[in-house]
Amino acid sequence: MKELNIGDQIVRVRATPLALIFYNQEFNSDLIGDLVKFRDISEDLSKLDTVAILKLIWAMAKADSFGKSFPSFEGWVATLEFIDFSDSQFLAAAMEEAQNGFFRKSGVKGAIK
């Protein structure tokens, strides 16, 4: 579990199998498949997809809130006052949680770095 600072909020995220289900249900896409696309971002910032990052964070935040009411993706984004995508700690913490939760063994082909 990680705590991310997004604007003036602290968002708890947890990379669990529930996040995979919530992501698939909300976006009709596979979280891992979409996550693997992030591996080239450090080499080419033009590949940064800010909405995809928000989708990942939303699914992990919803997983951390299991059993409690949690808004839809759009409803959740509407609660965010601002996001500083230049904050490398914010992005690193989100990616680290995803890496640790979904790619536990080192050397997994296609895993994010």
PDB file of N, CA and C in Angstrom:
ATOM      1  N   MET A   1       0.846  -1.171   0.000  1.00  0.00           N
ATOM      2  CA  MET A   1       0.000   0.000   0.000  1.00  0.00           C
ATOM      3  C   MET A   1       0.893   1.237   0.000  1.00  0.00           C
ATOM      4  N   LYS A   2       0.498   2.203  -0.802  1.00  0.00           N
ATOM      5  CA  LYS A   2       1.222   3.483  -0.862  1.00  0.00           C
ATOM      6  C   LYS A   2       0.219   4.607  -0.666  1.00  0.00           C
ATOM      7  N   GLU A   3       0.715   5.720  -0.211  1.00  0.00           N
ATOM      8  CA  GLU A   3      -0.067   6.939  -0.141  1.00  0.00           C
ATOM      9  C   GLU A   3       0.512   7.920  -1.151  1.00  0.00           C
ATOM     10  N   LEU A   4      -0.346   8.406  -2.046  1.00  0.00           N
ATOM     11  CA  LEU A   4       0.069   9.352  -3.078  1.00  0.00           C
ATOM     12  C   LEU A   4      -0.468  10.732  -2.732  1.00  0.00           C
ATOM     13  N   ASN A   5       0.343  11.748  -2.931  1.00  0.00           N
ATOM     14  CA  ASN A   5      -0.114  13.123  -2.793  1.00  0.00           C
ATOM     15  C   ASN A   5      -0.571  13.603  -4.163  1.00  0.00           C
ATOM     16  N   ILE A   6      -1.881  13.806  -4.288  1.00  0.00           N
ATOM     17  CA  ILE A   6      -2.442  14.306  -5.534  1.00  0.00           C
ATOM     18  C   ILE A   6      -3.114  15.633  -5.205  1.00  0.00           C
ATOM     19  N   GLY A   7      -2.490  16.704  -5.658  1.00  0.00           N
ATOM     20  CA  GLY A   7      -2.997  18.021  -5.306  1.00  0.00           C
ATOM     21  C   GLY A   7      -2.949  18.194  -3.812  1.00  0.00           C
ATOM     22  N   ASP A   8      -4.121  18.467  -3.230  1.00  0.00           N
ATOM     23  CA  ASP A   8      -4.179  18.646  -1.783  1.00  0.00           C
ATOM     24  C   ASP A   8      -4.753  17.425  -1.075  1.00  0.00           C
ATOM     25  N   GLN A   9      -4.794  16.284  -1.769  1.00  0.00           N
ATOM     26  CA  GLN A   9      -5.350  15.060  -1.200  1.00  0.00           C
ATOM     27  C   GLN A   9      -4.274  13.984  -1.047  1.00  0.00           C
ATOM     28  N   ILE A  10      -4.494  13.114  -0.079  1.00  0.00           N
ATOM     29  CA  ILE A  10      -3.684  11.902   0.034  1.00  0.00           C
ATOM     30  C   ILE A  10      -4.570  10.758  -0.417  1.00  0.00           C
ATOM     31  N   VAL A  11      -4.099  10.015  -1.420  1.00  0.00           N
ATOM     32  CA  VAL A  11      -4.855   8.900  -1.986  1.00  0.00           C
ATOM     33  C   VAL A  11      -4.102   7.613  -1.682  1.00  0.00           C
ATOM     34  N   ARG A  12      -4.773   6.712  -0.982  1.00  0.00           N
ATOM     35  CA  ARG A  12      -4.178   5.397  -0.682  1.00  0.00           C
ATOM     36  C   ARG A  12      -4.434   4.459  -1.862  1.00  0.00           C
ATOM     37  N   VAL A  13      -3.386   3.782  -2.310  1.00  0.00           N
ATOM     38  CA  VAL A  13      -3.513   2.848  -3.429  1.00  0.00           C
ATOM     39  C   VAL A  13      -2.945   1.491  -3.033  1.00  0.00           C
ATOM     40  N   ARG A  14      -3.534   0.441  -3.599  1.00  0.00           N
ATOM     41  CA  ARG A  14      -3.086  -0.918  -3.314  1.00  0.00           C
ATOM     42  C   ARG A  14      -3.222  -1.728  -4.610  1.00  0.00           C
ATOM     43  N   ALA A  15      -2.114  -2.287  -5.073  1.00  0.00           N
ATOM     44  CA  ALA A  15      -2.107  -3.100  -6.294  1.00  0.00           C
ATOM     45  C   ALA A  15      -2.454  -4.541  -5.926  1.00  0.00           C
ATOM     46  N   THR A  16      -3.727  -4.877  -6.035  1.00  0.00           N
ATOM     47  CA  THR A  16      -4.208  -6.220  -5.709  1.00  0.00           C
ATOM     48  C   THR A  16      -5.010  -6.760  -6.890  1.00  0.00           C
ATOM     49  N   PRO A  17      -5.337  -8.041  -6.871  1.00  0.00           N
ATOM     50  CA  PRO A  17      -6.188  -8.586  -7.936  1.00  0.00           C
ATOM     51  C   PRO A  17      -7.528  -7.845  -8.069  1.00  0.00           C
ATOM     52  N   LEU A  18      -8.032  -7.290  -6.982  1.00  0.00           N
ATOM     53  CA  LEU A  18      -9.269  -6.502  -7.076  1.00  0.00           C
ATOM     54  C   LEU A  18      -9.090  -5.307  -8.004  1.00  0.00           C
ATOM     55  N   ALA A  19      -7.932  -4.688  -7.981  1.00  0.00           N
ATOM     56  CA  ALA A  19      -7.672  -3.559  -8.874  1.00  0.00           C
ATOM     57  C   ALA A  19      -7.790  -3.997 -10.331  1.00  0.00           C
ATOM     58  N   LEU A  20      -7.345  -5.214 -10.626  1.00  0.00           N
ATOM     59  CA  LEU A  20      -7.459  -5.731 -11.991  1.00  0.00           C
ATOM     60  C   LEU A  20      -8.923  -5.844 -12.410  1.00  0.00           C
ATOM     61  N   ILE A  21      -9.751  -6.346 -11.501  1.00  0.00           N
ATOM     62  CA  ILE A  21     -11.179  -6.506 -11.789  1.00  0.00           C
ATOM     63  C   ILE A  21     -11.839  -5.141 -11.956  1.00  0.00           C
ATOM     64  N   PHE A  22     -11.599  -4.227 -11.025  1.00  0.00           N
ATOM     65  CA  PHE A  22     -12.219  -2.906 -11.094  1.00  0.00           C
ATOM     66  C   PHE A  22     -11.816  -2.174 -12.371  1.00  0.00           C
ATOM     67  N   TYR A  23     -10.560  -2.273 -12.756  1.00  0.00           N
ATOM     68  CA  TYR A  23     -10.061  -1.636 -13.971  1.00  0.00           C
ATOM     69  C   TYR A  23     -10.778  -2.203 -15.193  1.00  0.00           C
ATOM     70  N   ASN A  24     -10.876  -3.509 -15.248  1.00  0.00           N
ATOM     71  CA  ASN A  24     -11.535  -4.155 -16.384  1.00  0.00           C
ATOM     72  C   ASN A  24     -13.007  -3.776 -16.453  1.00  0.00           C
ATOM     73  N   GLN A  25     -13.683  -3.761 -15.320  1.00  0.00           N
ATOM     74  CA  GLN A  25     -15.108  -3.423 -15.286  1.00  0.00           C
ATOM     75  C   GLN A  25     -15.352  -1.975 -15.714  1.00  0.00           C
ATOM     76  N   GLU A  26     -14.511  -1.072 -15.290  1.00  0.00           N
ATOM     77  CA  GLU A  26     -14.720   0.357 -15.565  1.00  0.00           C
ATOM     78  C   GLU A  26     -14.275   0.753 -16.971  1.00  0.00           C
ATOM     79  N   PHE A  27     -13.184   0.144 -17.474  1.00  0.00           N
ATOM     80  CA  PHE A  27     -12.577   0.614 -18.717  1.00  0.00           C
ATOM     81  C   PHE A  27     -12.612  -0.407 -19.856  1.00  0.00           C
ATOM     82  N   ASN A  28     -13.145  -1.596 -19.602  1.00  0.00           N
ATOM     83  CA  ASN A  28     -13.193  -2.659 -20.626  1.00  0.00           C
ATOM     84  C   ASN A  28     -11.824  -2.890 -21.252  1.00  0.00           C
ATOM     85  N   SER A  29     -10.815  -2.902 -20.404  1.00  0.00           N
ATOM     86  CA  SER A  29      -9.442  -3.092 -20.847  1.00  0.00           C
ATOM     87  C   SER A  29      -8.683  -3.811 -19.739  1.00  0.00           C
ATOM     88  N   ASP A  30      -7.551  -4.401 -20.094  1.00  0.00           N
ATOM     89  CA  ASP A  30      -6.743  -5.123 -19.121  1.00  0.00           C
ATOM     90  C   ASP A  30      -5.699  -4.194 -18.513  1.00  0.00           C
ATOM     91  N   LEU A  31      -5.682  -4.096 -17.202  1.00  0.00           N
ATOM     92  CA  LEU A  31      -4.754  -3.209 -16.513  1.00  0.00           C
ATOM     93  C   LEU A  31      -3.306  -3.574 -16.825  1.00  0.00           C
ATOM     94  N   ILE A  32      -2.971  -4.840 -16.763  1.00  0.00           N
ATOM     95  CA  ILE A  32      -1.572  -5.249 -17.001  1.00  0.00           C
ATOM     96  C   ILE A  32      -1.151  -4.916 -18.429  1.00  0.00           C
ATOM     97  N   GLY A  33      -2.026  -5.195 -19.377  1.00  0.00           N
ATOM     98  CA  GLY A  33      -1.715  -4.867 -20.775  1.00  0.00           C
ATOM     99  C   GLY A  33      -1.463  -3.378 -20.955  1.00  0.00           C
ATOM    100  N   ASP A  34      -2.297  -2.569 -20.325  1.00  0.00           N
ATOM    101  CA  ASP A  34      -2.119  -1.122 -20.417  1.00  0.00           C
ATOM    102  C   ASP A  34      -0.896  -0.663 -19.630  1.00  0.00           C
ATOM    103  N   LEU A  35      -0.625  -1.293 -18.523  1.00  0.00           N
ATOM    104  CA  LEU A  35       0.507  -0.926 -17.678  1.00  0.00           C
ATOM    105  C   LEU A  35       1.839  -1.175 -18.384  1.00  0.00           C
ATOM    106  N   VAL A  36       1.933  -2.236 -19.132  1.00  0.00           N
ATOM    107  CA  VAL A  36       3.178  -2.561 -19.826  1.00  0.00           C
ATOM    108  C   VAL A  36       3.562  -1.452 -20.809  1.00  0.00           C
ATOM    109  N   LYS A  37       2.580  -0.715 -21.299  1.00  0.00           N
ATOM    110  CA  LYS A  37       2.857   0.390 -22.225  1.00  0.00           C
ATOM    111  C   LYS A  37       3.656   1.501 -21.552  1.00  0.00           C
ATOM    112  N   PHE A  38       3.642   1.567 -20.214  1.00  0.00           N
ATOM    113  CA  PHE A  38       4.365   2.609 -19.486  1.00  0.00           C
ATOM    114  C   PHE A  38       5.872   2.392 -19.469  1.00  0.00           C
ATOM    115  N   ARG A  39       6.342   1.239 -19.815  1.00  0.00           N
ATOM    116  CA  ARG A  39       7.766   0.934 -19.642  1.00  0.00           C
ATOM    117  C   ARG A  39       8.684   1.827 -20.468  1.00  0.00           C
ATOM    118  N   ASP A  40       8.181   2.446 -21.525  1.00  0.00           N
ATOM    119  CA  ASP A  40       9.022   3.280 -22.383  1.00  0.00           C
ATOM    120  C   ASP A  40       8.970   4.764 -22.011  1.00  0.00           C
ATOM    121  N   ILE A  41       8.205   5.114 -21.000  1.00  0.00           N
ATOM    122  CA  ILE A  41       8.028   6.526 -20.657  1.00  0.00           C
ATOM    123  C   ILE A  41       9.338   7.188 -20.257  1.00  0.00           C
ATOM    124  N   SER A  42      10.168   6.504 -19.481  1.00  0.00           N
ATOM    125  CA  SER A  42      11.409   7.133 -19.016  1.00  0.00           C
ATOM    126  C   SER A  42      12.340   7.487 -20.173  1.00  0.00           C
ATOM    127  N   GLU A  43      12.223   6.789 -21.276  1.00  0.00           N
ATOM    128  CA  GLU A  43      13.067   7.066 -22.430  1.00  0.00           C
ATOM    129  C   GLU A  43      12.441   8.081 -23.379  1.00  0.00           C
ATOM    130  N   ASP A  44      11.101   8.198 -23.348  1.00  0.00           N
ATOM    131  CA  ASP A  44      10.404   9.090 -24.271  1.00  0.00           C
ATOM    132  C   ASP A  44       9.156   9.637 -23.595  1.00  0.00           C
ATOM    133  N   LEU A  45       9.255  10.861 -23.067  1.00  0.00           N
ATOM    134  CA  LEU A  45       8.137  11.448 -22.328  1.00  0.00           C
ATOM    135  C   LEU A  45       6.916  11.715 -23.205  1.00  0.00           C
ATOM    136  N   SER A  46       7.074  11.683 -24.512  1.00  0.00           N
ATOM    137  CA  SER A  46       5.906  11.872 -25.380  1.00  0.00           C
ATOM    138  C   SER A  46       4.952  10.679 -25.282  1.00  0.00           C
ATOM    139  N   LYS A  47       5.399   9.582 -24.693  1.00  0.00           N
ATOM    140  CA  LYS A  47       4.550   8.403 -24.506  1.00  0.00           C
ATOM    141  C   LYS A  47       3.746   8.461 -23.211  1.00  0.00           C
ATOM    142  N   LEU A  48       3.921   9.539 -22.448  1.00  0.00           N
ATOM    143  CA  LEU A  48       3.192   9.704 -21.205  1.00  0.00           C
ATOM    144  C   LEU A  48       1.703   9.877 -21.508  1.00  0.00           C
ATOM    145  N   ASP A  49       0.883   9.020 -20.916  1.00  0.00           N
ATOM    146  CA  ASP A  49      -0.575   9.074 -21.066  1.00  0.00           C
ATOM    147  C   ASP A  49      -1.144   9.375 -19.683  1.00  0.00           C
ATOM    148  N   THR A  50      -1.446  10.636 -19.446  1.00  0.00           N
ATOM    149  CA  THR A  50      -1.873  11.064 -18.120  1.00  0.00           C
ATOM    150  C   THR A  50      -3.204  10.437 -17.707  1.00  0.00           C
ATOM    151  N   VAL A  51      -4.113  10.254 -18.641  1.00  0.00           N
ATOM    152  CA  VAL A  51      -5.399   9.630 -18.308  1.00  0.00           C
ATOM    153  C   VAL A  51      -5.180   8.170 -17.923  1.00  0.00           C
ATOM    154  N   ALA A  52      -4.272   7.486 -18.605  1.00  0.00           N
ATOM    155  CA  ALA A  52      -3.980   6.088 -18.263  1.00  0.00           C
ATOM    156  C   ALA A  52      -3.402   5.987 -16.851  1.00  0.00           C
ATOM    157  N   ILE A  53      -2.592   6.951 -16.470  1.00  0.00           N
ATOM    158  CA  ILE A  53      -2.039   6.959 -15.110  1.00  0.00           C
ATOM    159  C   ILE A  53      -3.156   7.162 -14.094  1.00  0.00           C
ATOM    160  N   LEU A  54      -4.063   8.072 -14.383  1.00  0.00           N
ATOM    161  CA  LEU A  54      -5.202   8.294 -13.495  1.00  0.00           C
ATOM    162  C   LEU A  54      -6.080   7.051 -13.391  1.00  0.00           C
ATOM    163  N   LYS A  55      -6.270   6.346 -14.495  1.00  0.00           N
ATOM    164  CA  LYS A  55      -7.068   5.114 -14.480  1.00  0.00           C
ATOM    165  C   LYS A  55      -6.415   4.066 -13.587  1.00  0.00           C
ATOM    166  N   LEU A  56      -5.104   3.924 -13.702  1.00  0.00           N
ATOM    167  CA  LEU A  56      -4.358   2.984 -12.863  1.00  0.00           C
ATOM    168  C   LEU A  56      -4.521   3.340 -11.392  1.00  0.00           C
ATOM    169  N   ILE A  57      -4.324   4.613 -11.072  1.00  0.00           N
ATOM    170  CA  ILE A  57      -4.426   5.058  -9.683  1.00  0.00           C
ATOM    171  C   ILE A  57      -5.846   4.851  -9.165  1.00  0.00           C
ATOM    172  N   TRP A  58      -6.853   5.173  -9.977  1.00  0.00           N
ATOM    173  CA  TRP A  58      -8.244   4.994  -9.566  1.00  0.00           C
ATOM    174  C   TRP A  58      -8.515   3.531  -9.203  1.00  0.00           C
ATOM    175  N   ALA A  59      -8.085   2.603 -10.053  1.00  0.00           N
ATOM    176  CA  ALA A  59      -8.340   1.178  -9.798  1.00  0.00           C
ATOM    177  C   ALA A  59      -7.650   0.717  -8.518  1.00  0.00           C
ATOM    178  N   MET A  60      -6.425   1.175  -8.289  1.00  0.00           N
ATOM    179  CA  MET A  60      -5.714   0.783  -7.072  1.00  0.00           C
ATOM    180  C   MET A  60      -6.321   1.444  -5.837  1.00  0.00           C
ATOM    181  N   ALA A  61      -6.813   2.686  -5.981  1.00  0.00           N
ATOM    182  CA  ALA A  61      -7.472   3.357  -4.858  1.00  0.00           C
ATOM    183  C   ALA A  61      -8.798   2.678  -4.527  1.00  0.00           C
ATOM    184  N   LYS A  62      -9.519   2.272  -5.551  1.00  0.00           N
ATOM    185  CA  LYS A  62     -10.789   1.569  -5.312  1.00  0.00           C
ATOM    186  C   LYS A  62     -10.519   0.230  -4.629  1.00  0.00           C
ATOM    187  N   ALA A  63      -9.469  -0.463  -5.039  1.00  0.00           N
ATOM    188  CA  ALA A  63      -9.109  -1.734  -4.401  1.00  0.00           C
ATOM    189  C   ALA A  63      -8.764  -1.517  -2.927  1.00  0.00           C
ATOM    190  N   ASP A  64      -8.077  -0.422  -2.627  1.00  0.00           N
ATOM    191  CA  ASP A  64      -7.732  -0.141  -1.239  1.00  0.00           C
ATOM    192  C   ASP A  64      -8.976   0.185  -0.410  1.00  0.00           C
ATOM    193  N   SER A  65     -10.013   0.684  -1.061  1.00  0.00           N
ATOM    194  CA  SER A  65     -11.254   1.063  -0.372  1.00  0.00           C
ATOM    195  C   SER A  65     -12.317  -0.024  -0.409  1.00  0.00           C
ATOM    196  N   PHE A  66     -11.922  -1.247  -0.707  1.00  0.00           N
ATOM    197  CA  PHE A  66     -12.897  -2.335  -0.857  1.00  0.00           C
ATOM    198  C   PHE A  66     -13.830  -2.402   0.352  1.00  0.00           C
ATOM    199  N   GLY A  67     -15.109  -2.549   0.048  1.00  0.00           N
ATOM    200  CA  GLY A  67     -16.115  -2.626   1.102  1.00  0.00           C
ATOM    201  C   GLY A  67     -16.716  -1.271   1.453  1.00  0.00           C
ATOM    202  N   LYS A  68     -16.129  -0.206   0.911  1.00  0.00           N
ATOM    203  CA  LYS A  68     -16.628   1.145   1.148  1.00  0.00           C
ATOM    204  C   LYS A  68     -17.133   1.705  -0.179  1.00  0.00           C
ATOM    205  N   SER A  69     -17.994   2.675  -0.093  1.00  0.00           N
ATOM    206  CA  SER A  69     -18.476   3.345  -1.296  1.00  0.00           C
ATOM    207  C   SER A  69     -17.305   4.058  -1.975  1.00  0.00           C
ATOM    208  N   PHE A  70     -17.236   3.951  -3.302  1.00  0.00           N
ATOM    209  CA  PHE A  70     -16.157   4.589  -4.041  1.00  0.00           C
ATOM    210  C   PHE A  70     -16.733   5.113  -5.353  1.00  0.00           C
ATOM    211  N   PRO A  71     -16.373   6.332  -5.754  1.00  0.00           N
ATOM    212  CA  PRO A  71     -16.975   6.930  -6.950  1.00  0.00           C
ATOM    213  C   PRO A  71     -16.498   6.286  -8.252  1.00  0.00           C
ATOM    214  N   SER A  72     -17.262   6.534  -9.305  1.00  0.00           N
ATOM    215  CA  SER A  72     -16.838   6.142 -10.646  1.00  0.00           C
ATOM    216  C   SER A  72     -15.556   6.898 -10.981  1.00  0.00           C
ATOM    217  N   PHE A  73     -14.916   6.519 -12.074  1.00  0.00           N
ATOM    218  CA  PHE A  73     -13.671   7.175 -12.471  1.00  0.00           C
ATOM    219  C   PHE A  73     -13.878   8.675 -12.640  1.00  0.00           C
ATOM    220  N   GLU A  74     -14.873   9.061 -13.411  1.00  0.00           N
ATOM    221  CA  GLU A  74     -15.110  10.488 -13.641  1.00  0.00           C
ATOM    222  C   GLU A  74     -15.453  11.208 -12.341  1.00  0.00           C
ATOM    223  N   GLY A  75     -16.260  10.580 -11.505  1.00  0.00           N
ATOM    224  CA  GLY A  75     -16.606  11.181 -10.220  1.00  0.00           C
ATOM    225  C   GLY A  75     -15.385  11.376  -9.345  1.00  0.00           C
ATOM    226  N   TRP A  76     -14.477  10.389  -9.359  1.00  0.00           N
ATOM    227  CA  TRP A  76     -13.254  10.484  -8.568  1.00  0.00           C
ATOM    228  C   TRP A  76     -12.352  11.592  -9.093  1.00  0.00           C
ATOM    229  N   VAL A  77     -12.158  11.633 -10.419  1.00  0.00           N
ATOM    230  CA  VAL A  77     -11.301  12.677 -11.004  1.00  0.00           C
ATOM    231  C   VAL A  77     -11.864  14.061 -10.689  1.00  0.00           C
ATOM    232  N   ALA A  78     -13.187  14.183 -10.662  1.00  0.00           N
ATOM    233  CA  ALA A  78     -13.814  15.475 -10.359  1.00  0.00           C
ATOM    234  C   ALA A  78     -13.486  15.961  -8.948  1.00  0.00           C
ATOM    235  N   THR A  79     -13.106  15.043  -8.056  1.00  0.00           N
ATOM    236  CA  THR A  79     -12.763  15.448  -6.686  1.00  0.00           C
ATOM    237  C   THR A  79     -11.335  15.973  -6.577  1.00  0.00           C
ATOM    238  N   LEU A  80     -10.530  15.776  -7.600  1.00  0.00           N
ATOM    239  CA  LEU A  80      -9.130  16.200  -7.568  1.00  0.00           C
ATOM    240  C   LEU A  80      -9.025  17.665  -7.977  1.00  0.00           C
ATOM    241  N   GLU A  81      -8.485  18.479  -7.117  1.00  0.00           N
ATOM    242  CA  GLU A  81      -8.347  19.912  -7.390  1.00  0.00           C
ATOM    243  C   GLU A  81      -7.309  20.162  -8.491  1.00  0.00           C
ATOM    244  N   PHE A  82      -6.154  19.481  -8.375  1.00  0.00           N
ATOM    245  CA  PHE A  82      -5.103  19.591  -9.385  1.00  0.00           C
ATOM    246  C   PHE A  82      -4.156  18.408  -9.239  1.00  0.00           C
ATOM    247  N   ILE A  83      -3.358  18.189 -10.272  1.00  0.00           N
ATOM    248  CA  ILE A  83      -2.357  17.120 -10.259  1.00  0.00           C
ATOM    249  C   ILE A  83      -1.073  17.692 -10.843  1.00  0.00           C
ATOM    250  N   ASP A  84       0.023  17.429 -10.180  1.00  0.00           N
ATOM    251  CA  ASP A  84       1.321  17.888 -10.667  1.00  0.00           C
ATOM    252  C   ASP A  84       2.056  16.692 -11.267  1.00  0.00           C
ATOM    253  N   PHE A  85       1.920  16.527 -12.582  1.00  0.00           N
ATOM    254  CA  PHE A  85       2.576  15.406 -13.247  1.00  0.00           C
ATOM    255  C   PHE A  85       4.083  15.584 -13.348  1.00  0.00           C
ATOM    256  N   SER A  86       4.581  16.766 -12.992  1.00  0.00           N
ATOM    257  CA  SER A  86       6.034  16.942 -12.966  1.00  0.00           C
ATOM    258  C   SER A  86       6.627  16.452 -11.650  1.00  0.00           C
ATOM    259  N   ASP A  87       5.777  16.082 -10.702  1.00  0.00           N
ATOM    260  CA  ASP A  87       6.228  15.561  -9.410  1.00  0.00           C
ATOM    261  C   ASP A  87       6.682  14.113  -9.592  1.00  0.00           C
ATOM    262  N   SER A  88       7.976  13.932  -9.702  1.00  0.00           N
ATOM    263  CA  SER A  88       8.511  12.593  -9.975  1.00  0.00           C
ATOM    264  C   SER A  88       8.223  11.625  -8.837  1.00  0.00           C
ATOM    265  N   GLN A  89       8.108  12.107  -7.599  1.00  0.00           N
ATOM    266  CA  GLN A  89       7.812  11.221  -6.470  1.00  0.00           C
ATOM    267  C   GLN A  89       6.404  10.655  -6.579  1.00  0.00           C
ATOM    268  N   PHE A  90       5.464  11.466  -7.013  1.00  0.00           N
ATOM    269  CA  PHE A  90       4.092  11.016  -7.206  1.00  0.00           C
ATOM    270  C   PHE A  90       4.034   9.896  -8.246  1.00  0.00           C
ATOM    271  N   LEU A  91       4.622  10.132  -9.405  1.00  0.00           N
ATOM    272  CA  LEU A  91       4.610   9.119 -10.469  1.00  0.00           C
ATOM    273  C   LEU A  91       5.385   7.875 -10.049  1.00  0.00           C
ATOM    274  N   ALA A  92       6.531   8.063  -9.420  1.00  0.00           N
ATOM    275  CA  ALA A  92       7.352   6.925  -9.000  1.00  0.00           C
ATOM    276  C   ALA A  92       6.616   6.065  -7.976  1.00  0.00           C
ATOM    277  N   ALA A  93       5.915   6.690  -7.036  1.00  0.00           N
ATOM    278  CA  ALA A  93       5.188   5.933  -6.012  1.00  0.00           C
ATOM    279  C   ALA A  93       4.052   5.123  -6.636  1.00  0.00           C
ATOM    280  N   ALA A  94       3.339   5.708  -7.581  1.00  0.00           N
ATOM    281  CA  ALA A  94       2.250   4.987  -8.260  1.00  0.00           C
ATOM    282  C   ALA A  94       2.802   3.787  -9.033  1.00  0.00           C
ATOM    283  N   MET A  95       3.879   4.001  -9.766  1.00  0.00           N
ATOM    284  CA  MET A  95       4.467   2.920 -10.553  1.00  0.00           C
ATOM    285  C   MET A  95       5.104   1.858  -9.662  1.00  0.00           C
ATOM    286  N   GLU A  96       5.689   2.286  -8.546  1.00  0.00           N
ATOM    287  CA  GLU A  96       6.304   1.330  -7.622  1.00  0.00           C
ATOM    288  C   GLU A  96       5.239   0.411  -7.004  1.00  0.00           C
ATOM    289  N   GLU A  97       4.103   0.972  -6.637  1.00  0.00           N
ATOM    290  CA  GLU A  97       3.023   0.148  -6.087  1.00  0.00           C
ATOM    291  C   GLU A  97       2.542  -0.859  -7.131  1.00  0.00           C
ATOM    292  N   ALA A  98       2.364  -0.399  -8.357  1.00  0.00           N
ATOM    293  CA  ALA A  98       1.939  -1.307  -9.432  1.00  0.00           C
ATOM    294  C   ALA A  98       2.985  -2.394  -9.668  1.00  0.00           C
ATOM    295  N   GLN A  99       4.241  -2.002  -9.726  1.00  0.00           N
ATOM    296  CA  GLN A  99       5.333  -2.963  -9.943  1.00  0.00           C
ATOM    297  C   GLN A  99       5.362  -4.017  -8.836  1.00  0.00           C
ATOM    298  N   ASN A 100       5.302  -3.564  -7.586  1.00  0.00           N
ATOM    299  CA  ASN A 100       5.378  -4.488  -6.456  1.00  0.00           C
ATOM    300  C   ASN A 100       4.153  -5.385  -6.348  1.00  0.00           C
ATOM    301  N   GLY A 101       3.012  -4.878  -6.728  1.00  0.00           N
ATOM    302  CA  GLY A 101       1.788  -5.657  -6.601  1.00  0.00           C
ATOM    303  C   GLY A 101       1.525  -6.610  -7.754  1.00  0.00           C
ATOM    304  N   PHE A 102       1.934  -6.217  -8.958  1.00  0.00           N
ATOM    305  CA  PHE A 102       1.591  -7.013 -10.138  1.00  0.00           C
ATOM    306  C   PHE A 102       2.771  -7.750 -10.764  1.00  0.00           C
ATOM    307  N   PHE A 103       3.998  -7.389 -10.410  1.00  0.00           N
ATOM    308  CA  PHE A 103       5.188  -8.024 -10.983  1.00  0.00           C
ATOM    309  C   PHE A 103       6.175  -8.337  -9.864  1.00  0.00           C
ATOM    310  N   ARG A 104       5.856  -9.298  -9.045  1.00  0.00           N
ATOM    311  CA  ARG A 104       6.675  -9.570  -7.844  1.00  0.00           C
ATOM    312  C   ARG A 104       8.046 -10.155  -8.157  1.00  0.00           C
ATOM    313  N   LYS A 105       8.142 -10.991  -9.160  1.00  0.00           N
ATOM    314  CA  LYS A 105       9.442 -11.584  -9.488  1.00  0.00           C
ATOM    315  C   LYS A 105      10.210 -10.646 -10.392  1.00  0.00           C
ATOM    316  N   SER A 106      11.489 -10.517 -10.141  1.00  0.00           N
ATOM    317  CA  SER A 106      12.305  -9.665 -11.003  1.00  0.00           C
ATOM    318  C   SER A 106      12.521 -10.356 -12.335  1.00  0.00           C
ATOM    319  N   GLY A 107      12.719  -9.549 -13.347  1.00  0.00           N
ATOM    320  CA  GLY A 107      13.008 -10.090 -14.666  1.00  0.00           C
ATOM    321  C   GLY A 107      11.775 -10.533 -15.432  1.00  0.00           C
ATOM    322  N   VAL A 108      10.592 -10.112 -15.039  1.00  0.00           N
ATOM    323  CA  VAL A 108       9.385 -10.470 -15.777  1.00  0.00           C
ATOM    324  C   VAL A 108       9.419  -9.726 -17.107  1.00  0.00           C
ATOM    325  N   LYS A 109       9.304 -10.467 -18.194  1.00  0.00           N
ATOM    326  CA  LYS A 109       9.377  -9.865 -19.514  1.00  0.00           C
ATOM    327  C   LYS A 109       8.235  -8.875 -19.695  1.00  0.00           C
ATOM    328  N   GLY A 110       8.591  -7.642 -20.075  1.00  0.00           N
ATOM    329  CA  GLY A 110       7.601  -6.618 -20.332  1.00  0.00           C
ATOM    330  C   GLY A 110       7.178  -5.830 -19.105  1.00  0.00           C
ATOM    331  N   ALA A 111       7.731  -6.159 -17.940  1.00  0.00           N
ATOM    332  CA  ALA A 111       7.352  -5.441 -16.719  1.00  0.00           C
ATOM    333  C   ALA A 111       7.845  -4.007 -16.810  1.00  0.00           C
ATOM    334  N   ILE A 112       7.178  -3.127 -16.095  1.00  0.00           N
ATOM    335  CA  ILE A 112       7.594  -1.734 -16.100  1.00  0.00           C
ATOM    336  C   ILE A 112       8.860  -1.577 -15.288  1.00  0.00           C
ATOM    337  N   LYS A 113       9.606  -0.544 -15.589  1.00  0.00           N
ATOM    338  CA  LYS A 113      10.871  -0.302 -14.888  1.00  0.00           C
ATOM    339  C   LYS A 113      10.800   0.986 -14.138  1.00  0.00           C
TER     340      LYS A 113
END
